[in-house]
Amino acid sequence: MSSSSLFVLLGLLLVGSSAAAQLEVSSSVPGARRIELSPEEAGRVNEVVVSPGLSTMLLFDSELQRESIELESRQRFSLVDVGQATLRLVPSVSATPGERFKLVVRFRDGAAPSSAVFLLKVHPAKAEATIEVYRAQRTIETYQQEVRDARAETFRCQEELARLKSEHKAPGGLTGILFNGGLDPLGVAGQVLTKAVTITSANGLRSPIVNSYRSSTLVAVDAWIDVKTGTLPWTAEGATLKGRSGEALKILRVWQVTPILPGSPGGRVIVEAEAPAAAVHGPFSLKLWEADGPRSITLGNVTFP
């Protein structure tokens, strides 16, 4: 992100905090997204990201008409649990990334808005765990929380801007890595994982060569990906790197030069993540997926030197 883009983002955050028409605001549950329904926008469709095998919980501030829930292709969900004011959804493994399902809920009190419409978008891994849906008047506490969230985001952007400025001043190459503390006297350690990893792929992806690397503050997985003949080219759009207990390392970049062509010798994908030495405990599971497409590949039993 360029320095000018960060300044624009800071301005939008400060201006947006006072916009009366803003419908998605801070939530009372940490990590949850909050949606506010407006009578003036009764037909508004709210997008929610779901993933096969992962739970998404919608929490409402009003009682639902449990018998009137409409869910498109309901059989594609392994769990649809409707409570008095909650709705829990778990798509089954038959739900394909990129698919969308319409969800309509109706409220028992009949007040406006009397219903809410959601579009459930299937993603390979990034399901939204909790969504809070409000129809009632916002309290002063929610505004105060929104201001706190905006300040925290502004502070984060300021830190990112300072980091980018520092990087521009630092030298490149190995000198730059040393300058930024990326190496210790032992250098970078690497190991071959080709025979150790387990592979779970979808729609003709495989990884015949896998290596891993670690420096003092970073880890990287270097994988060679093959695409089956007769399918479309494949480009890695995102990645997660999770430990056995579910903790995730912060992904810094997913690097790939060009799309990998079907039937070709394959292509190289490198995933880099933040990982202080104390946090590098294995094994990890690396999942790669394409943008708005069904094909993903998971490499299990990934360890670092």
Protein backbone atom coordinates (compact mmCIF):
# COMPACT_ATOMS: atom_id res chain seq x y z
CA MET A 1 0.00 0.00 0.00
CA SER A 2 1.40 3.39 -0.99
CA SER A 3 1.85 6.24 1.48
CA SER A 4 -0.81 8.33 -0.28
CA SER A 5 -3.30 5.46 -0.07
CA LEU A 6 -2.76 5.20 3.68
CA PHE A 7 -3.44 8.92 4.11
CA VAL A 8 -6.69 8.55 2.16
CA LEU A 9 -7.67 5.59 4.35
CA LEU A 10 -7.03 7.60 7.51
CA GLY A 11 -9.27 10.38 6.24
CA LEU A 12 -12.06 8.01 5.30
CA LEU A 13 -11.96 6.42 8.73
CA LEU A 14 -12.33 9.75 10.49
CA VAL A 15 -15.08 11.00 8.18
CA GLY A 16 -16.93 7.69 8.10
CA SER A 17 -17.23 7.53 11.87
CA SER A 18 -19.75 10.38 11.78
CA ALA A 19 -21.77 9.24 8.74
CA ALA A 20 -25.38 8.75 9.76
CA ALA A 21 -26.12 6.40 6.87
CA GLN A 22 -23.44 3.90 7.80
CA LEU A 23 -25.10 0.53 8.36
CA GLU A 24 -22.22 -1.75 9.33
CA VAL A 25 -20.70 -0.60 12.62
CA SER A 26 -18.83 -1.98 15.57
CA SER A 27 -20.21 -4.95 17.47
CA SER A 28 -20.59 -5.83 21.14
CA VAL A 29 -18.95 -9.24 20.56
CA PRO A 30 -15.17 -9.01 19.97
CA GLY A 31 -14.29 -10.02 16.43
CA ALA A 32 -17.91 -9.99 15.24
CA ARG A 33 -19.30 -7.88 12.40
CA ARG A 34 -22.35 -5.76 13.14
CA ILE A 35 -25.12 -5.08 10.59
CA GLU A 36 -27.89 -2.56 11.22
CA LEU A 37 -31.14 -2.88 9.31
CA SER A 38 -32.87 0.30 8.19
CA PRO A 39 -36.61 0.55 7.36
CA GLU A 40 -35.67 2.87 4.48
CA GLU A 41 -33.55 0.09 2.92
CA ALA A 42 -35.83 -2.89 3.43
CA GLY A 43 -34.64 -4.55 0.22
CA ARG A 44 -30.93 -4.24 0.98
CA VAL A 45 -29.00 -7.49 0.58
CA ASN A 46 -26.26 -8.12 3.15
CA GLU A 47 -23.39 -10.38 2.07
CA VAL A 48 -22.05 -12.92 4.57
CA VAL A 49 -19.03 -15.16 3.93
CA VAL A 50 -19.42 -18.85 4.84
CA SER A 51 -17.12 -21.86 4.37
CA PRO A 52 -17.68 -25.62 4.12
CA GLY A 53 -17.47 -27.28 7.53
CA LEU A 54 -17.15 -23.97 9.44
CA SER A 55 -19.85 -22.43 11.62
CA THR A 56 -21.36 -18.99 11.03
CA MET A 57 -23.64 -17.61 13.75
CA LEU A 58 -26.11 -14.77 13.14
CA LEU A 59 -27.27 -13.05 16.34
CA PHE A 60 -30.44 -10.93 16.12
CA ASP A 61 -31.83 -8.37 18.58
CA SER A 62 -35.39 -9.42 17.69
CA GLU A 63 -37.29 -12.70 17.87
CA LEU A 64 -37.42 -14.64 14.60
CA GLN A 65 -40.33 -16.35 12.86
CA ARG A 66 -38.56 -19.67 13.06
CA GLU A 67 -41.00 -21.38 10.70
CA SER A 68 -40.53 -18.71 7.99
CA ILE A 69 -36.78 -18.96 7.41
CA GLU A 70 -36.02 -19.28 3.68
CA LEU A 71 -32.63 -20.73 2.70
CA GLU A 72 -31.81 -21.46 -0.92
CA SER A 73 -30.46 -25.01 -1.48
CA ARG A 74 -30.93 -25.88 2.17
CA GLN A 75 -29.75 -29.42 1.47
CA ARG A 76 -26.26 -28.00 0.81
CA PHE A 77 -25.94 -27.18 4.52
CA SER A 78 -25.02 -29.81 7.09
CA LEU A 79 -26.49 -27.68 9.91
CA VAL A 80 -29.26 -25.06 9.95
CA ASP A 81 -30.08 -24.37 13.60
CA VAL A 82 -32.78 -21.71 14.12
CA GLY A 83 -33.17 -20.39 17.67
CA GLN A 84 -35.43 -17.76 19.15
CA ALA A 85 -33.10 -14.97 18.02
CA THR A 86 -30.15 -16.89 16.55
CA LEU A 87 -29.36 -18.71 13.33
CA ARG A 88 -26.37 -21.02 13.01
CA LEU A 89 -25.26 -22.21 9.57
CA VAL A 90 -22.65 -24.80 8.56
CA PRO A 91 -22.31 -25.43 4.79
CA SER A 92 -21.59 -29.01 3.84
CA VAL A 93 -18.53 -30.07 1.86
CA SER A 94 -20.74 -30.09 -1.25
CA ALA A 95 -20.88 -26.27 -1.14
CA THR A 96 -18.44 -25.02 -3.76
CA PRO A 97 -16.31 -21.89 -3.22
CA GLY A 98 -17.78 -19.04 -5.25
CA GLU A 99 -21.38 -20.24 -4.90
CA ARG A 100 -24.00 -17.91 -3.41
CA PHE A 101 -27.14 -18.82 -1.47
CA LYS A 102 -30.02 -16.46 -0.65
CA LEU A 103 -31.22 -16.36 2.96
CA VAL A 104 -34.40 -14.58 4.10
CA VAL A 105 -35.36 -14.20 7.77
CA ARG A 106 -38.58 -12.67 9.11
CA PHE A 107 -39.18 -11.11 12.51
CA ARG A 108 -42.05 -12.05 14.76
CA ASP A 109 -43.03 -8.56 16.01
CA GLY A 110 -43.99 -7.32 12.52
CA ALA A 111 -42.18 -4.00 12.96
CA ALA A 112 -40.25 -2.45 10.10
CA PRO A 113 -38.14 -3.81 8.65
CA SER A 114 -40.17 -7.00 8.86
CA SER A 115 -37.50 -9.14 7.20
CA ALA A 116 -33.82 -9.23 6.28
CA VAL A 117 -32.14 -10.65 3.18
CA PHE A 118 -28.63 -12.10 3.16
CA LEU A 119 -26.43 -13.48 0.39
CA LEU A 120 -24.26 -16.30 1.68
CA LYS A 121 -21.03 -16.39 -0.34
CA VAL A 122 -18.98 -19.60 -0.07
CA HIS A 123 -15.24 -19.13 0.52
CA PRO A 124 -12.76 -22.01 0.97
CA ALA A 125 -11.58 -20.90 4.43
CA LYS A 126 -12.58 -17.39 5.54
CA ALA A 127 -16.02 -17.92 7.09
CA GLU A 128 -17.36 -15.08 9.25
CA ALA A 129 -17.82 -16.68 12.65
CA THR A 130 -20.28 -14.21 14.20
CA ILE A 131 -22.61 -11.58 12.71
CA GLU A 132 -24.73 -9.29 14.91
CA VAL A 133 -27.92 -8.01 13.27
CA TYR A 134 -29.73 -5.03 14.84
CA ARG A 135 -33.05 -3.35 14.08
CA ALA A 136 -33.28 -1.30 17.29
CA GLN A 137 -32.04 2.23 18.02
CA ARG A 138 -28.32 2.40 18.54
CA THR A 139 -27.21 3.22 22.06
CA ILE A 140 -24.56 5.72 23.10
CA GLU A 141 -22.34 2.77 24.02
CA THR A 142 -22.27 1.54 20.41
CA TYR A 143 -21.22 4.99 19.19
CA GLN A 144 -18.49 5.12 21.82
CA GLN A 145 -17.30 1.67 20.77
CA GLU A 146 -17.28 2.75 17.13
CA VAL A 147 -15.08 5.74 18.01
CA ARG A 148 -12.70 3.46 19.92
CA ASP A 149 -12.53 1.06 16.97
CA ALA A 150 -11.88 3.94 14.55
CA ARG A 151 -9.08 5.27 16.75
CA ALA A 152 -7.52 1.82 16.98
CA GLU A 153 -7.68 1.41 13.20
CA THR A 154 -6.20 4.88 12.70
CA PHE A 155 -3.34 4.01 15.06
CA ARG A 156 -2.74 0.76 13.16
CA CYS A 157 -2.61 2.65 9.86
CA GLN A 158 -0.19 5.17 11.33
CA GLU A 159 2.09 2.33 12.43
CA GLU A 160 1.87 0.75 8.98
CA LEU A 161 2.69 4.11 7.37
CA ALA A 162 5.72 4.51 9.63
CA ARG A 163 6.83 0.98 8.75
CA LEU A 164 6.53 1.67 5.02
CA LYS A 165 8.51 4.89 5.34
CA SER A 166 11.19 3.03 7.27
CA GLU A 167 11.37 0.33 4.60
CA HIS A 168 11.82 2.93 1.85
CA LYS A 169 14.80 4.33 3.74
CA ALA A 170 16.37 0.91 4.32
CA PRO A 171 18.76 -0.69 1.77
CA GLY A 172 17.67 -3.63 -0.36
CA GLY A 173 18.95 -7.18 -0.77
CA LEU A 174 20.70 -9.03 2.03
CA THR A 175 21.78 -5.71 3.59
CA GLY A 176 18.14 -4.71 3.93
CA ILE A 177 17.22 -8.03 5.57
CA LEU A 178 20.05 -7.59 8.10
CA PHE A 179 19.11 -3.96 8.69
CA ASN A 180 15.51 -4.90 9.53
CA GLY A 181 16.50 -7.75 11.86
CA GLY A 182 15.33 -10.55 9.58
CA LEU A 183 18.51 -12.58 10.08
CA ASP A 184 20.54 -13.72 13.03
CA PRO A 185 24.12 -15.07 12.86
CA LEU A 186 22.79 -18.51 11.92
CA GLY A 187 21.24 -17.11 8.73
CA VAL A 188 18.23 -18.73 7.05
CA ALA A 189 17.50 -22.40 7.69
CA GLY A 190 15.72 -24.57 5.13
CA GLN A 191 14.45 -28.11 4.77
CA VAL A 192 12.86 -30.36 2.13
CA LEU A 193 9.26 -31.36 2.98
CA THR A 194 8.27 -33.14 -0.23
CA LYS A 195 7.98 -36.60 1.36
CA ALA A 196 6.73 -35.38 4.73
CA VAL A 197 3.69 -33.29 3.79
CA THR A 198 0.20 -34.66 3.32
CA ILE A 199 -1.81 -33.19 0.44
CA THR A 200 -5.52 -32.54 0.18
CA SER A 201 -6.42 -30.95 -3.15
CA ALA A 202 -9.50 -30.07 -5.16
CA ASN A 203 -10.08 -30.24 -8.92
CA GLY A 204 -6.72 -31.44 -10.17
CA LEU A 205 -4.11 -29.59 -8.10
CA ARG A 206 -1.02 -31.28 -6.66
CA SER A 207 2.31 -30.26 -5.19
CA PRO A 208 5.24 -32.55 -6.08
CA ILE A 209 7.91 -30.36 -4.44
CA VAL A 210 7.64 -28.54 -1.09
CA ASN A 211 10.39 -26.80 0.89
CA SER A 212 10.25 -24.65 4.03
CA TYR A 213 12.50 -21.89 5.38
CA ARG A 214 12.89 -19.95 8.61
CA SER A 215 14.77 -16.82 9.63
CA SER A 216 14.75 -15.11 13.01
CA THR A 217 11.32 -13.54 12.45
CA LEU A 218 9.86 -15.08 9.31
CA VAL A 219 8.88 -18.42 7.81
CA ALA A 220 8.19 -19.35 4.20
CA VAL A 221 6.75 -22.33 2.36
CA ASP A 222 8.01 -22.78 -1.21
CA ALA A 223 5.67 -25.11 -3.12
CA TRP A 224 5.63 -26.23 -6.73
CA ILE A 225 2.02 -26.59 -7.94
CA ASP A 226 0.84 -28.67 -10.91
CA VAL A 227 -2.55 -28.17 -12.59
CA LYS A 228 -4.36 -31.07 -14.24
CA THR A 229 -4.74 -31.05 -18.02
CA GLY A 230 -8.19 -30.03 -19.23
CA THR A 231 -8.87 -27.53 -16.44
CA LEU A 232 -8.44 -23.75 -16.24
CA PRO A 233 -5.21 -21.91 -15.31
CA TRP A 234 -4.79 -21.46 -11.57
CA THR A 235 -3.52 -18.53 -9.50
CA ALA A 236 -3.17 -18.56 -5.71
CA GLU A 237 -5.23 -15.67 -4.34
CA GLY A 238 -4.91 -16.26 -0.59
CA ALA A 239 -3.52 -18.57 2.07
CA THR A 240 -3.82 -19.59 5.71
CA LEU A 241 -1.09 -21.23 7.81
CA LYS A 242 -2.56 -22.80 10.93
CA GLY A 243 -1.09 -24.87 13.74
CA ARG A 244 -2.57 -28.01 15.21
CA SER A 245 -4.53 -26.10 17.86
CA GLY A 246 -5.97 -23.70 15.29
CA GLU A 247 -3.66 -20.72 15.83
CA ALA A 248 -2.87 -18.91 12.59
CA LEU A 249 0.35 -17.17 11.59
CA LYS A 250 0.04 -13.72 10.00
CA ILE A 251 0.42 -14.11 6.24
CA LEU A 252 2.60 -11.35 4.77
CA ARG A 253 2.44 -12.29 1.10
CA VAL A 254 1.48 -14.98 -1.38
CA TRP A 255 3.90 -14.74 -4.32
CA GLN A 256 3.34 -16.24 -7.75
CA VAL A 257 4.76 -14.87 -11.00
CA THR A 258 2.14 -16.03 -13.53
CA PRO A 259 -0.97 -18.24 -13.62
CA ILE A 260 -0.12 -21.95 -13.71
CA LEU A 261 -1.23 -23.48 -17.02
CA PRO A 262 -2.90 -26.93 -17.14
CA GLY A 263 -0.57 -29.70 -18.27
CA SER A 264 2.50 -27.47 -17.94
CA PRO A 265 5.53 -28.30 -15.78
CA GLY A 266 3.80 -26.32 -13.04
CA GLY A 267 4.56 -23.12 -11.20
CA ARG A 268 6.09 -21.87 -7.99
CA VAL A 269 4.05 -20.40 -5.11
CA ILE A 270 5.79 -18.93 -2.05
CA VAL A 271 3.87 -18.10 1.13
CA GLU A 272 5.62 -15.91 3.70
CA ALA A 273 4.40 -15.35 7.25
CA GLU A 274 5.43 -13.64 10.46
CA ALA A 275 6.76 -16.15 12.97
CA PRO A 276 9.06 -15.26 15.86
CA ALA A 277 11.15 -18.27 16.85
CA ALA A 278 9.01 -18.91 19.93
CA ALA A 279 5.88 -19.21 17.75
CA VAL A 280 7.27 -21.72 15.26
CA HIS A 281 5.81 -24.96 16.59
CA GLY A 282 4.66 -27.57 14.14
CA PRO A 283 3.15 -29.13 12.37
CA PHE A 284 1.18 -26.54 10.40
CA SER A 285 -1.47 -26.82 7.71
CA LEU A 286 -1.09 -24.57 4.66
CA LYS A 287 -4.21 -23.91 2.57
CA LEU A 288 -4.05 -22.10 -0.79
CA TRP A 289 -7.09 -21.06 -2.84
CA GLU A 290 -7.93 -19.20 -6.03
CA ALA A 291 -10.05 -16.04 -6.29
CA ASP A 292 -13.79 -16.76 -6.64
CA GLY A 293 -13.12 -20.32 -7.71
CA PRO A 294 -13.62 -23.80 -6.27
CA ARG A 295 -10.04 -25.08 -6.48
CA SER A 296 -7.86 -25.18 -3.37
CA ILE A 297 -4.99 -27.29 -2.08
CA THR A 298 -4.04 -28.05 1.52
CA LEU A 299 -0.57 -29.15 2.58
CA GLY A 300 -0.54 -30.80 5.97
CA ASN A 301 2.35 -31.68 8.31
CA VAL A 302 4.31 -28.57 7.33
CA THR A 303 7.23 -27.94 9.68
CA PHE A 304 10.05 -25.41 9.78
CA PRO A 305 13.73 -25.88 10.58
